[in-house]
Amino acid sequence: MPAPRCWFSPTREGRLFEYEQLGLVASLADKLQAGQLQLYCIEGLAADGL
């Protein structure tokens, strides 16, 4: 069974690495390294949103 996938879009003025800078990636490091979770951040959506 594949790991759950979480999709993120940066905040309106953010960049694709924003969640890493805010500590989200570090807080989920155990699950990510164990292959229990996959994170994706799509920068292109932020520019096209609102």
Protein backbone atom coordinates (compact mmCIF):
# COMPACT_ATOMS: atom_id res chain seq x y z
CA MET A 1 0.00 0.00 0.00
CA PRO A 2 1.50 3.38 -0.98
CA ALA A 3 2.12 6.04 1.63
CA PRO A 4 -0.52 8.75 2.01
CA ARG A 5 0.23 11.82 -0.08
CA CYS A 6 -0.22 15.37 1.17
CA TRP A 7 -0.41 18.17 -1.40
CA PHE A 8 0.37 21.74 -0.42
CA SER A 9 0.33 25.04 -2.18
CA PRO A 10 2.41 27.89 -0.75
CA THR A 11 0.62 30.80 0.83
CA ARG A 12 -0.11 33.70 -1.46
CA GLU A 13 3.35 35.29 -1.15
CA GLY A 14 5.22 32.08 -0.29
CA ARG A 15 7.54 29.82 -2.26
CA LEU A 16 7.66 26.04 -2.64
CA PHE A 17 10.16 25.70 0.25
CA GLU A 18 8.00 27.74 2.66
CA TYR A 19 6.72 24.73 4.63
CA GLU A 20 10.27 23.46 5.11
CA GLN A 21 11.32 26.89 6.48
CA LEU A 22 8.33 26.87 8.85
CA GLY A 23 9.36 23.49 10.30
CA LEU A 24 6.57 21.33 8.85
CA VAL A 25 8.97 18.98 7.07
CA ALA A 26 11.16 18.58 10.16
CA SER A 27 8.13 17.84 12.34
CA LEU A 28 7.13 15.01 9.99
CA ALA A 29 10.69 13.72 9.38
CA ASP A 30 10.14 10.35 11.10
CA LYS A 31 7.11 9.53 8.94
CA LEU A 32 8.77 10.82 5.77
CA GLN A 33 11.99 8.87 6.32
CA ALA A 34 10.04 5.70 7.17
CA GLY A 35 8.08 6.02 3.93
CA GLN A 36 4.79 6.46 5.81
CA LEU A 37 4.00 9.84 4.24
CA GLN A 38 4.81 11.78 1.07
CA LEU A 39 4.70 15.57 0.83
CA TYR A 40 4.28 17.56 -2.37
CA CYS A 41 4.27 21.31 -2.81
CA ILE A 42 3.20 22.77 -6.12
CA GLU A 43 4.49 26.30 -6.53
CA GLY A 44 2.63 27.00 -9.76
CA LEU A 45 -0.78 26.92 -8.07
CA ALA A 46 0.04 29.82 -5.75
CA ALA A 47 0.61 32.27 -8.59
CA ASP A 48 -2.64 31.28 -10.29
CA GLY A 49 -4.79 31.30 -7.16
CA LEU A 50 -6.98 34.14 -5.90
